[in-house]
Amino acid sequence: MLGEQKNERDLSIVIVSTNEAHWLDACLTTVYAHAGGARLDVVVVDNESSDGVRGIVEGSFPEARVVSCQNRGFAHGNNRALETCTSRYSLCLNPDTEIVDGNFGDLVEMLDERPEIGLVGVKQLDSDGALYPTVRRFPSAKRAFVEAFVPESLSPSSVGLGERRLDLAAYERELECDWSTGAYMLIRREALLSAGLMDERLFLYCDEPDLCIRIKQAGWKVIHSPRMTIVHHAGKAGVKPKLVAQDVFARRVYAEKHFSAPHRYAYLGAVAARHATRAMLPRRAGGSPERRAASKLALSTLTGRREPPFGPPPATSVDAPVRMLPVPVSGRD
């Protein structure tokens, strides 16, 4: 059942922290500074951390709530918090982010006026202040083959050959898109009620396109909005073979769930070809021992010779139902 709250809130902000307490002061400070009149319900998920998340939040941000759960992945952590929220909108926000422009009151007002929108992504900058392309197209065999053999810089973004939309000037205006990256996903409650929560079989990766495709199938729009800008401190740690392998496993689960058999075989073949090429790439062509090792591990995971890096998913059948958000009691939402 949903947790009871004393006052109805406009927006619940869910932040899943897995030993990332060092980011929380900056993240939460900017969240509250950019409330813009919106009534916020901030929920920090202590995702089986060992760095004192609860104490930090309760000591410095007593207006926020802490939900503790086992670390079963990004989707699982977000779901445990979302089940406690009754706000009209919910934002899944990474802990390593800071709000730098815009305010939540304006976004809530925009969504109240436009009931067709189910999910919103916003402008994201990296730690150096460069725009990071977060508008994405759904995975497909054609796009996977292009990404396997054509350098992204040579693939014309305008014709949709790759998943990422790279014409950065477009990020200055509102865009309807297939999906937006999970560091910031602002979701209408009714869209979650109709589409279901995140699929917990996807420990990491592909949870965003999976959620967005279900939201769109339920009749809602997914958009990118320049009304807010965040900094996302990500991607500075280099290649991590474990995460590369998890990405290909998640892509296999996504393909089994959403693609026909012929499309699935073509897509996974293209993913395998991409990593087979990178596993043999010499240093002079952009390869490195770390990248080759990551692609070799990815191939072993994709072909089933190695278990997924974070263990098998909670349900092996791709037909297993997605968790549904509990419907609030009458009069609460």
C-alpha atoms as a PDB file:
ATOM      1  CA  MET A   1       0.000   0.000   0.000  1.00  0.00           C
ATOM      2  CA  LEU A   2       1.035   3.587  -0.487  1.00  0.00           C
ATOM      3  CA  GLY A   3       2.567   5.399   2.426  1.00  0.00           C
ATOM      4  CA  GLU A   4       0.412   8.158   3.899  1.00  0.00           C
ATOM      5  CA  GLN A   5       1.732  11.722   3.703  1.00  0.00           C
ATOM      6  CA  LYS A   6       0.444  14.671   5.704  1.00  0.00           C
ATOM      7  CA  ASN A   7       0.042  16.992   2.712  1.00  0.00           C
ATOM      8  CA  GLU A   8      -0.494  16.352  -0.949  1.00  0.00           C
ATOM      9  CA  ARG A   9       2.647  17.249  -2.893  1.00  0.00           C
ATOM     10  CA  ASP A  10       3.119  18.379  -6.470  1.00  0.00           C
ATOM     11  CA  LEU A  11       6.321  16.473  -7.142  1.00  0.00           C
ATOM     12  CA  SER A  12       8.126  13.535  -5.567  1.00  0.00           C
ATOM     13  CA  ILE A  13      11.869  13.480  -6.284  1.00  0.00           C
ATOM     14  CA  VAL A  14      13.424  10.019  -5.971  1.00  0.00           C
ATOM     15  CA  ILE A  15      17.210   9.771  -5.625  1.00  0.00           C
ATOM     16  CA  VAL A  16      18.730   6.276  -5.445  1.00  0.00           C
ATOM     17  CA  SER A  17      22.078   6.351  -3.650  1.00  0.00           C
ATOM     18  CA  THR A  18      24.411   3.343  -3.733  1.00  0.00           C
ATOM     19  CA  ASN A  19      27.428   4.507  -1.722  1.00  0.00           C
ATOM     20  CA  GLU A  20      27.082   7.937  -3.328  1.00  0.00           C
ATOM     21  CA  ALA A  21      26.511  10.004  -0.198  1.00  0.00           C
ATOM     22  CA  HIS A  22      29.353  12.351  -1.188  1.00  0.00           C
ATOM     23  CA  TRP A  23      27.168  13.727  -3.998  1.00  0.00           C
ATOM     24  CA  LEU A  24      24.035  14.294  -1.931  1.00  0.00           C
ATOM     25  CA  ASP A  25      24.782  17.656  -0.324  1.00  0.00           C
ATOM     26  CA  ALA A  26      25.179  19.424  -3.674  1.00  0.00           C
ATOM     27  CA  CYS A  27      22.316  17.507  -5.270  1.00  0.00           C
ATOM     28  CA  LEU A  28      19.764  18.105  -2.518  1.00  0.00           C
ATOM     29  CA  THR A  29      20.811  21.707  -1.951  1.00  0.00           C
ATOM     30  CA  THR A  30      20.148  22.560  -5.596  1.00  0.00           C
ATOM     31  CA  VAL A  31      16.902  20.555  -5.647  1.00  0.00           C
ATOM     32  CA  TYR A  32      15.430  22.656  -2.841  1.00  0.00           C
ATOM     33  CA  ALA A  33      16.892  25.881  -4.248  1.00  0.00           C
ATOM     34  CA  HIS A  34      15.064  25.276  -7.544  1.00  0.00           C
ATOM     35  CA  ALA A  35      11.695  24.236  -6.090  1.00  0.00           C
ATOM     36  CA  GLY A  36      10.104  27.348  -7.599  1.00  0.00           C
ATOM     37  CA  GLY A  37       6.997  27.105  -5.471  1.00  0.00           C
ATOM     38  CA  ALA A  38       6.381  23.412  -6.165  1.00  0.00           C
ATOM     39  CA  ARG A  39       5.568  21.356  -3.080  1.00  0.00           C
ATOM     40  CA  LEU A  40       8.293  18.722  -3.006  1.00  0.00           C
ATOM     41  CA  ASP A  41       8.426  15.269  -1.468  1.00  0.00           C
ATOM     42  CA  VAL A  42      12.107  14.314  -1.644  1.00  0.00           C
ATOM     43  CA  VAL A  43      12.877  10.617  -1.172  1.00  0.00           C
ATOM     44  CA  VAL A  44      16.449   9.329  -0.928  1.00  0.00           C
ATOM     45  CA  VAL A  45      16.817   5.580  -1.366  1.00  0.00           C
ATOM     46  CA  ASP A  46      19.556   4.028   0.752  1.00  0.00           C
ATOM     47  CA  ASN A  47      20.344   1.264  -1.700  1.00  0.00           C
ATOM     48  CA  GLU A  48      22.196  -1.025   0.727  1.00  0.00           C
ATOM     49  CA  SER A  49      24.927   1.592   1.177  1.00  0.00           C
ATOM     50  CA  SER A  50      27.737   1.595   3.718  1.00  0.00           C
ATOM     51  CA  ASP A  51      28.536   5.319   3.679  1.00  0.00           C
ATOM     52  CA  GLY A  52      25.941   6.646   6.112  1.00  0.00           C
ATOM     53  CA  VAL A  53      23.331   7.893   3.638  1.00  0.00           C
ATOM     54  CA  ARG A  54      20.504   7.941   6.169  1.00  0.00           C
ATOM     55  CA  GLY A  55      22.454   9.902   8.755  1.00  0.00           C
ATOM     56  CA  ILE A  56      23.621  12.477   6.213  1.00  0.00           C
ATOM     57  CA  VAL A  57      20.129  13.065   4.835  1.00  0.00           C
ATOM     58  CA  GLU A  58      18.349  13.130   8.182  1.00  0.00           C
ATOM     59  CA  GLY A  59      21.031  15.375   9.695  1.00  0.00           C
ATOM     60  CA  SER A  60      21.325  17.947   6.891  1.00  0.00           C
ATOM     61  CA  PHE A  61      17.984  17.665   5.053  1.00  0.00           C
ATOM     62  CA  PRO A  62      15.352  16.717   7.665  1.00  0.00           C
ATOM     63  CA  GLU A  63      12.525  17.612   5.271  1.00  0.00           C
ATOM     64  CA  ALA A  64      13.548  14.685   3.016  1.00  0.00           C
ATOM     65  CA  ARG A  65      12.585  11.054   3.575  1.00  0.00           C
ATOM     66  CA  VAL A  66      14.854   8.005   3.442  1.00  0.00           C
ATOM     67  CA  VAL A  67      13.714   4.611   2.129  1.00  0.00           C
ATOM     68  CA  SER A  68      16.054   1.664   2.640  1.00  0.00           C
ATOM     69  CA  CYS A  69      16.143  -1.382   0.385  1.00  0.00           C
ATOM     70  CA  GLN A  70      18.410  -4.150  -0.852  1.00  0.00           C
ATOM     71  CA  ASN A  71      20.593  -3.323  -3.830  1.00  0.00           C
ATOM     72  CA  ARG A  72      18.814  -5.104  -6.664  1.00  0.00           C
ATOM     73  CA  GLY A  73      19.491  -2.441  -9.241  1.00  0.00           C
ATOM     74  CA  PHE A  74      18.422   0.998 -10.416  1.00  0.00           C
ATOM     75  CA  ALA A  75      14.877  -0.030 -11.317  1.00  0.00           C
ATOM     76  CA  HIS A  76      14.300  -1.850  -8.021  1.00  0.00           C
ATOM     77  CA  GLY A  77      15.497   1.113  -5.946  1.00  0.00           C
ATOM     78  CA  ASN A  78      13.333   3.608  -7.817  1.00  0.00           C
ATOM     79  CA  ASN A  79      10.315   1.339  -7.599  1.00  0.00           C
ATOM     80  CA  ARG A  80      10.569   0.936  -3.836  1.00  0.00           C
ATOM     81  CA  ALA A  81      10.458   4.715  -3.444  1.00  0.00           C
ATOM     82  CA  LEU A  82       7.769   5.316  -6.092  1.00  0.00           C
ATOM     83  CA  GLU A  83       5.469   2.924  -4.242  1.00  0.00           C
ATOM     84  CA  THR A  84       5.534   5.344  -1.290  1.00  0.00           C
ATOM     85  CA  CYS A  85       4.723   8.475  -3.337  1.00  0.00           C
ATOM     86  CA  THR A  86       1.340  10.091  -3.947  1.00  0.00           C
ATOM     87  CA  SER A  87       2.392  13.242  -5.816  1.00  0.00           C
ATOM     88  CA  ARG A  88       0.976  14.111  -9.227  1.00  0.00           C
ATOM     89  CA  TYR A  89       4.464  13.812 -10.707  1.00  0.00           C
ATOM     90  CA  SER A  90       7.630  11.899  -9.819  1.00  0.00           C
ATOM     91  CA  LEU A  91      11.209  12.639 -10.813  1.00  0.00           C
ATOM     92  CA  CYS A  92      13.843   9.898 -10.921  1.00  0.00           C
ATOM     93  CA  LEU A  93      17.069  11.835 -10.379  1.00  0.00           C
ATOM     94  CA  ASN A  94      20.659  10.606 -10.103  1.00  0.00           C
ATOM     95  CA  PRO A  95      22.568  11.592  -6.950  1.00  0.00           C
ATOM     96  CA  ASP A  96      25.530  12.843  -9.002  1.00  0.00           C
ATOM     97  CA  THR A  97      23.491  15.696 -10.469  1.00  0.00           C
ATOM     98  CA  GLU A  98      22.938  19.361  -9.692  1.00  0.00           C
ATOM     99  CA  ILE A  99      20.106  21.594 -10.873  1.00  0.00           C
ATOM    100  CA  VAL A 100      21.650  24.711 -12.431  1.00  0.00           C
ATOM    101  CA  ASP A 101      18.795  26.431 -14.300  1.00  0.00           C
ATOM    102  CA  GLY A 102      15.011  26.432 -14.243  1.00  0.00           C
ATOM    103  CA  ASN A 103      12.655  25.456 -11.454  1.00  0.00           C
ATOM    104  CA  PHE A 104      10.256  22.647 -10.674  1.00  0.00           C
ATOM    105  CA  GLY A 105       7.269  24.956 -10.253  1.00  0.00           C
ATOM    106  CA  ASP A 106       7.431  25.943 -13.937  1.00  0.00           C
ATOM    107  CA  LEU A 107       7.722  22.299 -15.020  1.00  0.00           C
ATOM    108  CA  VAL A 108       4.754  21.255 -12.889  1.00  0.00           C
ATOM    109  CA  GLU A 109       2.692  24.133 -14.280  1.00  0.00           C
ATOM    110  CA  MET A 110       3.618  23.147 -17.844  1.00  0.00           C
ATOM    111  CA  LEU A 111       2.632  19.528 -17.235  1.00  0.00           C
ATOM    112  CA  ASP A 112      -0.650  20.538 -15.590  1.00  0.00           C
ATOM    113  CA  GLU A 113      -1.496  22.500 -18.749  1.00  0.00           C
ATOM    114  CA  ARG A 114      -0.455  19.706 -21.133  1.00  0.00           C
ATOM    115  CA  PRO A 115      -2.040  16.437 -20.002  1.00  0.00           C
ATOM    116  CA  GLU A 116      -0.784  14.498 -23.046  1.00  0.00           C
ATOM    117  CA  ILE A 117       2.828  14.494 -21.784  1.00  0.00           C
ATOM    118  CA  GLY A 118       3.814  11.408 -19.799  1.00  0.00           C
ATOM    119  CA  LEU A 119       7.576  11.819 -19.332  1.00  0.00           C
ATOM    120  CA  VAL A 120      10.047  14.701 -19.597  1.00  0.00           C
ATOM    121  CA  GLY A 121      13.838  14.821 -19.913  1.00  0.00           C
ATOM    122  CA  VAL A 122      15.820  18.062 -19.692  1.00  0.00           C
ATOM    123  CA  LYS A 123      19.144  19.533 -20.797  1.00  0.00           C
ATOM    124  CA  GLN A 124      22.159  17.837 -19.252  1.00  0.00           C
ATOM    125  CA  LEU A 125      25.703  19.160 -19.079  1.00  0.00           C
ATOM    126  CA  ASP A 126      28.764  17.122 -18.178  1.00  0.00           C
ATOM    127  CA  SER A 127      31.198  18.153 -15.454  1.00  0.00           C
ATOM    128  CA  ASP A 128      33.078  20.361 -17.938  1.00  0.00           C
ATOM    129  CA  GLY A 129      29.926  22.235 -18.925  1.00  0.00           C
ATOM    130  CA  ALA A 130      29.531  20.591 -22.350  1.00  0.00           C
ATOM    131  CA  LEU A 131      26.066  19.590 -23.503  1.00  0.00           C
ATOM    132  CA  TYR A 132      25.497  15.859 -23.185  1.00  0.00           C
ATOM    133  CA  PRO A 133      23.121  14.353 -25.802  1.00  0.00           C
ATOM    134  CA  THR A 134      20.277  12.732 -23.853  1.00  0.00           C
ATOM    135  CA  VAL A 135      17.596  12.547 -26.575  1.00  0.00           C
ATOM    136  CA  ARG A 136      17.564   8.972 -27.844  1.00  0.00           C
ATOM    137  CA  ARG A 137      15.877   6.802 -30.441  1.00  0.00           C
ATOM    138  CA  PHE A 138      14.673   3.308 -29.579  1.00  0.00           C
ATOM    139  CA  PRO A 139      17.156   0.485 -30.183  1.00  0.00           C
ATOM    140  CA  SER A 140      16.793  -1.364 -33.474  1.00  0.00           C
ATOM    141  CA  ALA A 141      18.810  -3.770 -35.604  1.00  0.00           C
ATOM    142  CA  LYS A 142      19.495  -1.060 -38.208  1.00  0.00           C
ATOM    143  CA  ARG A 143      20.834   1.353 -35.610  1.00  0.00           C
ATOM    144  CA  ALA A 144      22.884  -1.360 -33.938  1.00  0.00           C
ATOM    145  CA  PHE A 145      24.552  -2.291 -37.250  1.00  0.00           C
ATOM    146  CA  VAL A 146      25.381   1.361 -37.947  1.00  0.00           C
ATOM    147  CA  GLU A 147      26.853   1.777 -34.464  1.00  0.00           C
ATOM    148  CA  ALA A 148      28.890  -1.400 -34.927  1.00  0.00           C
ATOM    149  CA  PHE A 149      30.625  -0.338 -38.127  1.00  0.00           C
ATOM    150  CA  VAL A 150      30.257   3.435 -38.610  1.00  0.00           C
ATOM    151  CA  PRO A 151      31.960   5.937 -36.271  1.00  0.00           C
ATOM    152  CA  GLU A 152      29.296   8.001 -34.557  1.00  0.00           C
ATOM    153  CA  SER A 153      30.870  11.234 -35.781  1.00  0.00           C
ATOM    154  CA  LEU A 154      30.322  10.119 -39.389  1.00  0.00           C
ATOM    155  CA  SER A 155      26.701   9.029 -38.923  1.00  0.00           C
ATOM    156  CA  PRO A 156      24.282  11.828 -39.916  1.00  0.00           C
ATOM    157  CA  SER A 157      22.117  12.345 -36.841  1.00  0.00           C
ATOM    158  CA  SER A 158      19.350  13.949 -38.875  1.00  0.00           C
ATOM    159  CA  VAL A 159      18.455  10.675 -40.608  1.00  0.00           C
ATOM    160  CA  GLY A 160      18.292   8.672 -37.404  1.00  0.00           C
ATOM    161  CA  LEU A 161      21.047   6.144 -38.091  1.00  0.00           C
ATOM    162  CA  GLY A 162      22.173   5.991 -34.452  1.00  0.00           C
ATOM    163  CA  GLU A 163      20.388   5.963 -31.116  1.00  0.00           C
ATOM    164  CA  ARG A 164      21.744   9.315 -29.924  1.00  0.00           C
ATOM    165  CA  ARG A 165      20.537  12.614 -31.377  1.00  0.00           C
ATOM    166  CA  LEU A 166      23.747  14.556 -31.928  1.00  0.00           C
ATOM    167  CA  ASP A 167      22.552  17.825 -33.501  1.00  0.00           C
ATOM    168  CA  LEU A 168      23.161  19.741 -30.283  1.00  0.00           C
ATOM    169  CA  ALA A 169      21.391  22.918 -31.401  1.00  0.00           C
ATOM    170  CA  ALA A 170      18.126  20.983 -31.267  1.00  0.00           C
ATOM    171  CA  TYR A 171      18.446  20.690 -27.487  1.00  0.00           C
ATOM    172  CA  GLU A 172      17.591  24.390 -27.160  1.00  0.00           C
ATOM    173  CA  ARG A 173      13.969  23.699 -28.084  1.00  0.00           C
ATOM    174  CA  GLU A 174      11.307  21.261 -27.005  1.00  0.00           C
ATOM    175  CA  LEU A 175      11.477  17.930 -28.834  1.00  0.00           C
ATOM    176  CA  GLU A 176       9.267  14.881 -28.872  1.00  0.00           C
ATOM    177  CA  CYS A 177      11.531  11.848 -28.591  1.00  0.00           C
ATOM    178  CA  ASP A 178      11.563   8.078 -28.107  1.00  0.00           C
ATOM    179  CA  TRP A 179      13.321   8.129 -24.751  1.00  0.00           C
ATOM    180  CA  SER A 180      15.589  10.191 -22.529  1.00  0.00           C
ATOM    181  CA  THR A 181      18.396   9.049 -20.257  1.00  0.00           C
ATOM    182  CA  GLY A 182      17.641   7.961 -16.716  1.00  0.00           C
ATOM    183  CA  ALA A 183      19.692  10.541 -14.797  1.00  0.00           C
ATOM    184  CA  TYR A 184      16.562  12.734 -15.013  1.00  0.00           C
ATOM    185  CA  MET A 185      13.111  11.361 -15.833  1.00  0.00           C
ATOM    186  CA  LEU A 186      10.102  13.442 -14.757  1.00  0.00           C
ATOM    187  CA  ILE A 187       7.025  11.208 -14.984  1.00  0.00           C
ATOM    188  CA  ARG A 188       3.301  11.865 -14.671  1.00  0.00           C
ATOM    189  CA  ARG A 189       1.698   9.605 -12.089  1.00  0.00           C
ATOM    190  CA  GLU A 190      -1.097   8.553 -14.461  1.00  0.00           C
ATOM    191  CA  ALA A 191       1.525   7.469 -16.988  1.00  0.00           C
ATOM    192  CA  LEU A 192       3.080   5.157 -14.383  1.00  0.00           C
ATOM    193  CA  LEU A 193      -0.339   3.858 -13.403  1.00  0.00           C
ATOM    194  CA  SER A 194      -1.063   2.964 -17.035  1.00  0.00           C
ATOM    195  CA  ALA A 195       2.393   1.718 -18.070  1.00  0.00           C
ATOM    196  CA  GLY A 196       3.649   0.109 -14.858  1.00  0.00           C
ATOM    197  CA  LEU A 197       6.812   0.715 -12.873  1.00  0.00           C
ATOM    198  CA  MET A 198      10.353   0.031 -14.081  1.00  0.00           C
ATOM    199  CA  ASP A 199      11.153  -3.536 -15.083  1.00  0.00           C
ATOM    200  CA  GLU A 200      13.318  -4.945 -12.291  1.00  0.00           C
ATOM    201  CA  ARG A 201      14.830  -7.585 -14.571  1.00  0.00           C
ATOM    202  CA  LEU A 202      16.904  -4.711 -15.962  1.00  0.00           C
ATOM    203  CA  PHE A 203      19.423  -4.194 -13.144  1.00  0.00           C
ATOM    204  CA  LEU A 204      21.102  -1.387 -15.078  1.00  0.00           C
ATOM    205  CA  TYR A 205      20.643  -0.048 -18.615  1.00  0.00           C
ATOM    206  CA  CYS A 206      17.703  -0.312 -21.023  1.00  0.00           C
ATOM    207  CA  ASP A 207      15.311   0.458 -18.160  1.00  0.00           C
ATOM    208  CA  GLU A 208      14.730   3.919 -19.664  1.00  0.00           C
ATOM    209  CA  PRO A 209      13.791   2.863 -23.229  1.00  0.00           C
ATOM    210  CA  ASP A 210      11.729   0.016 -21.785  1.00  0.00           C
ATOM    211  CA  LEU A 211       9.768   2.401 -19.551  1.00  0.00           C
ATOM    212  CA  CYS A 212       9.382   5.002 -22.300  1.00  0.00           C
ATOM    213  CA  ILE A 213       8.159   2.532 -24.911  1.00  0.00           C
ATOM    214  CA  ARG A 214       5.479   1.331 -22.486  1.00  0.00           C
ATOM    215  CA  ILE A 215       4.486   4.914 -21.655  1.00  0.00           C
ATOM    216  CA  LYS A 216       4.182   5.729 -25.365  1.00  0.00           C
ATOM    217  CA  GLN A 217       2.239   2.523 -26.021  1.00  0.00           C
ATOM    218  CA  ALA A 218      -0.185   3.641 -23.303  1.00  0.00           C
ATOM    219  CA  GLY A 219      -0.851   6.828 -25.283  1.00  0.00           C
ATOM    220  CA  TRP A 220       1.454   9.397 -23.647  1.00  0.00           C
ATOM    221  CA  LYS A 221       4.124  11.636 -25.179  1.00  0.00           C
ATOM    222  CA  VAL A 222       7.793  11.633 -24.162  1.00  0.00           C
ATOM    223  CA  ILE A 223       9.556  14.967 -24.602  1.00  0.00           C
ATOM    224  CA  HIS A 224      12.851  16.771 -24.084  1.00  0.00           C
ATOM    225  CA  SER A 225      12.396  20.224 -22.542  1.00  0.00           C
ATOM    226  CA  PRO A 226      14.972  23.034 -22.237  1.00  0.00           C
ATOM    227  CA  ARG A 227      13.036  24.524 -19.304  1.00  0.00           C
ATOM    228  CA  MET A 228      15.564  23.046 -16.872  1.00  0.00           C
ATOM    229  CA  THR A 229      19.295  22.344 -17.069  1.00  0.00           C
ATOM    230  CA  ILE A 230      21.264  19.988 -14.846  1.00  0.00           C
ATOM    231  CA  VAL A 231      24.907  19.015 -14.492  1.00  0.00           C
ATOM    232  CA  HIS A 232      25.492  15.269 -14.455  1.00  0.00           C
ATOM    233  CA  HIS A 233      28.901  14.294 -13.065  1.00  0.00           C
ATOM    234  CA  ALA A 234      29.256  11.024 -14.957  1.00  0.00           C
ATOM    235  CA  GLY A 235      31.539   9.221 -17.348  1.00  0.00           C
ATOM    236  CA  LYS A 236      34.881  10.245 -15.820  1.00  0.00           C
ATOM    237  CA  ALA A 237      35.934   6.845 -14.475  1.00  0.00           C
ATOM    238  CA  GLY A 238      36.984   5.273 -17.776  1.00  0.00           C
ATOM    239  CA  VAL A 239      35.940   1.899 -19.168  1.00  0.00           C
ATOM    240  CA  LYS A 240      34.434  -0.519 -16.642  1.00  0.00           C
ATOM    241  CA  PRO A 241      34.181  -4.051 -18.109  1.00  0.00           C
ATOM    242  CA  LYS A 242      31.482  -5.044 -15.628  1.00  0.00           C
ATOM    243  CA  LEU A 243      29.203  -2.225 -16.786  1.00  0.00           C
ATOM    244  CA  VAL A 244      29.886  -2.889 -20.478  1.00  0.00           C
ATOM    245  CA  ALA A 245      28.885  -6.528 -19.939  1.00  0.00           C
ATOM    246  CA  GLN A 246      25.765  -5.485 -18.040  1.00  0.00           C
ATOM    247  CA  ASP A 247      24.792  -3.213 -20.917  1.00  0.00           C
ATOM    248  CA  VAL A 248      24.806  -6.057 -23.460  1.00  0.00           C
ATOM    249  CA  PHE A 249      22.872  -8.323 -21.092  1.00  0.00           C
ATOM    250  CA  ALA A 250      20.225  -5.629 -20.654  1.00  0.00           C
ATOM    251  CA  ARG A 251      20.059  -5.208 -24.427  1.00  0.00           C
ATOM    252  CA  ARG A 252      19.402  -8.928 -24.758  1.00  0.00           C
ATOM    253  CA  VAL A 253      16.552  -8.740 -22.237  1.00  0.00           C
ATOM    254  CA  TYR A 254      15.124  -5.687 -24.019  1.00  0.00           C
ATOM    255  CA  ALA A 255      15.312  -7.416 -27.405  1.00  0.00           C
ATOM    256  CA  GLU A 256      13.643 -10.570 -26.096  1.00  0.00           C
ATOM    257  CA  LYS A 257      10.872  -8.448 -24.646  1.00  0.00           C
ATOM    258  CA  HIS A 258      10.156  -6.033 -27.505  1.00  0.00           C
ATOM    259  CA  PHE A 259      11.419  -7.521 -30.798  1.00  0.00           C
ATOM    260  CA  SER A 260      10.125 -10.252 -33.079  1.00  0.00           C
ATOM    261  CA  ALA A 261      12.434 -13.268 -33.436  1.00  0.00           C
ATOM    262  CA  PRO A 262      14.016 -12.154 -36.762  1.00  0.00           C
ATOM    263  CA  HIS A 263      14.523  -8.615 -35.495  1.00  0.00           C
ATOM    264  CA  ARG A 264      15.951  -9.913 -32.221  1.00  0.00           C
ATOM    265  CA  TYR A 265      18.512 -12.156 -33.979  1.00  0.00           C
ATOM    266  CA  ALA A 266      19.599  -9.302 -36.265  1.00  0.00           C
ATOM    267  CA  TYR A 267      19.862  -6.861 -33.383  1.00  0.00           C
ATOM    268  CA  LEU A 268      21.853  -9.148 -31.104  1.00  0.00           C
ATOM    269  CA  GLY A 269      24.067 -10.121 -34.040  1.00  0.00           C
ATOM    270  CA  ALA A 270      24.887  -6.460 -34.573  1.00  0.00           C
ATOM    271  CA  VAL A 271      25.615  -5.968 -30.863  1.00  0.00           C
ATOM    272  CA  ALA A 272      27.913  -9.005 -30.947  1.00  0.00           C
ATOM    273  CA  ALA A 273      29.647  -7.738 -34.102  1.00  0.00           C
ATOM    274  CA  ARG A 274      30.313  -4.390 -32.438  1.00  0.00           C
ATOM    275  CA  HIS A 275      32.056  -5.978 -29.482  1.00  0.00           C
ATOM    276  CA  ALA A 276      33.877  -8.577 -31.588  1.00  0.00           C
ATOM    277  CA  THR A 277      35.357  -5.727 -33.627  1.00  0.00           C
ATOM    278  CA  ARG A 278      36.360  -3.790 -30.518  1.00  0.00           C
ATOM    279  CA  ALA A 279      37.856  -6.873 -28.873  1.00  0.00           C
ATOM    280  CA  MET A 280      40.384  -7.051 -31.715  1.00  0.00           C
ATOM    281  CA  LEU A 281      40.954  -3.328 -32.238  1.00  0.00           C
ATOM    282  CA  PRO A 282      44.672  -2.398 -32.005  1.00  0.00           C
ATOM    283  CA  ARG A 283      45.834   0.556 -29.960  1.00  0.00           C
ATOM    284  CA  ARG A 284      46.749   2.575 -33.052  1.00  0.00           C
ATOM    285  CA  ALA A 285      43.103   2.376 -34.182  1.00  0.00           C
ATOM    286  CA  GLY A 286      41.710   3.565 -30.868  1.00  0.00           C
ATOM    287  CA  GLY A 287      41.768   0.299 -28.958  1.00  0.00           C
ATOM    288  CA  SER A 288      43.186  -0.243 -25.495  1.00  0.00           C
ATOM    289  CA  PRO A 289      43.671  -3.254 -23.210  1.00  0.00           C
ATOM    290  CA  GLU A 290      40.766  -2.058 -21.064  1.00  0.00           C
ATOM    291  CA  ARG A 291      38.391  -1.685 -24.014  1.00  0.00           C
ATOM    292  CA  ARG A 292      39.381  -5.046 -25.480  1.00  0.00           C
ATOM    293  CA  ALA A 293      38.871  -6.746 -22.109  1.00  0.00           C
ATOM    294  CA  ALA A 294      35.476  -5.065 -21.693  1.00  0.00           C
ATOM    295  CA  SER A 295      34.285  -6.220 -25.113  1.00  0.00           C
ATOM    296  CA  LYS A 296      35.515  -9.776 -24.506  1.00  0.00           C
ATOM    297  CA  LEU A 297      33.569  -9.898 -21.248  1.00  0.00           C
ATOM    298  CA  ALA A 298      30.535  -8.433 -23.018  1.00  0.00           C
ATOM    299  CA  LEU A 299      30.655 -11.148 -25.684  1.00  0.00           C
ATOM    300  CA  SER A 300      30.892 -13.881 -23.038  1.00  0.00           C
ATOM    301  CA  THR A 301      27.886 -12.403 -21.248  1.00  0.00           C
ATOM    302  CA  LEU A 302      25.846 -11.908 -24.413  1.00  0.00           C
ATOM    303  CA  THR A 303      26.375 -15.515 -25.522  1.00  0.00           C
ATOM    304  CA  GLY A 304      25.577 -16.936 -22.088  1.00  0.00           C
ATOM    305  CA  ARG A 305      29.085 -18.183 -21.294  1.00  0.00           C
ATOM    306  CA  ARG A 306      29.221 -15.827 -18.321  1.00  0.00           C
ATOM    307  CA  GLU A 307      26.447 -14.847 -15.926  1.00  0.00           C
ATOM    308  CA  PRO A 308      25.328 -11.202 -15.913  1.00  0.00           C
ATOM    309  CA  PRO A 309      27.783  -9.166 -13.818  1.00  0.00           C
ATOM    310  CA  PHE A 310      25.170  -8.342 -11.181  1.00  0.00           C
ATOM    311  CA  GLY A 311      23.570 -11.780 -11.131  1.00  0.00           C
ATOM    312  CA  PRO A 312      20.567 -13.222 -12.962  1.00  0.00           C
ATOM    313  CA  PRO A 313      17.380 -11.123 -13.097  1.00  0.00           C
ATOM    314  CA  PRO A 314      14.600 -11.828 -10.566  1.00  0.00           C
ATOM    315  CA  ALA A 315      12.363 -13.426 -13.228  1.00  0.00           C
ATOM    316  CA  THR A 316      13.769 -15.364 -16.183  1.00  0.00           C
ATOM    317  CA  SER A 317      10.670 -15.160 -18.386  1.00  0.00           C
ATOM    318  CA  VAL A 318      10.412 -12.071 -20.566  1.00  0.00           C
ATOM    319  CA  ASP A 319       6.640 -12.451 -20.234  1.00  0.00           C
ATOM    320  CA  ALA A 320       6.770 -11.882 -16.476  1.00  0.00           C
ATOM    321  CA  PRO A 321       4.520  -8.942 -15.544  1.00  0.00           C
ATOM    322  CA  VAL A 322       5.971  -5.527 -14.822  1.00  0.00           C
ATOM    323  CA  ARG A 323       5.285  -4.288 -11.286  1.00  0.00           C
ATOM    324  CA  MET A 324       2.304  -1.954 -11.199  1.00  0.00           C
ATOM    325  CA  LEU A 325       2.128   1.220  -9.145  1.00  0.00           C
ATOM    326  CA  PRO A 326      -0.480   0.846  -6.381  1.00  0.00           C
ATOM    327  CA  VAL A 327      -3.595   2.903  -7.100  1.00  0.00           C
ATOM    328  CA  PRO A 328      -4.044   5.575  -4.414  1.00  0.00           C
ATOM    329  CA  VAL A 329      -7.041   5.450  -2.112  1.00  0.00           C
ATOM    330  CA  SER A 330     -10.005   7.580  -3.127  1.00  0.00           C
ATOM    331  CA  GLY A 331      -9.525  11.312  -2.702  1.00  0.00           C
ATOM    332  CA  ARG A 332      -5.734  11.270  -2.339  1.00  0.00           C
ATOM    333  CA  ASP A 333      -4.656  11.874  -5.916  1.00  0.00           C
END
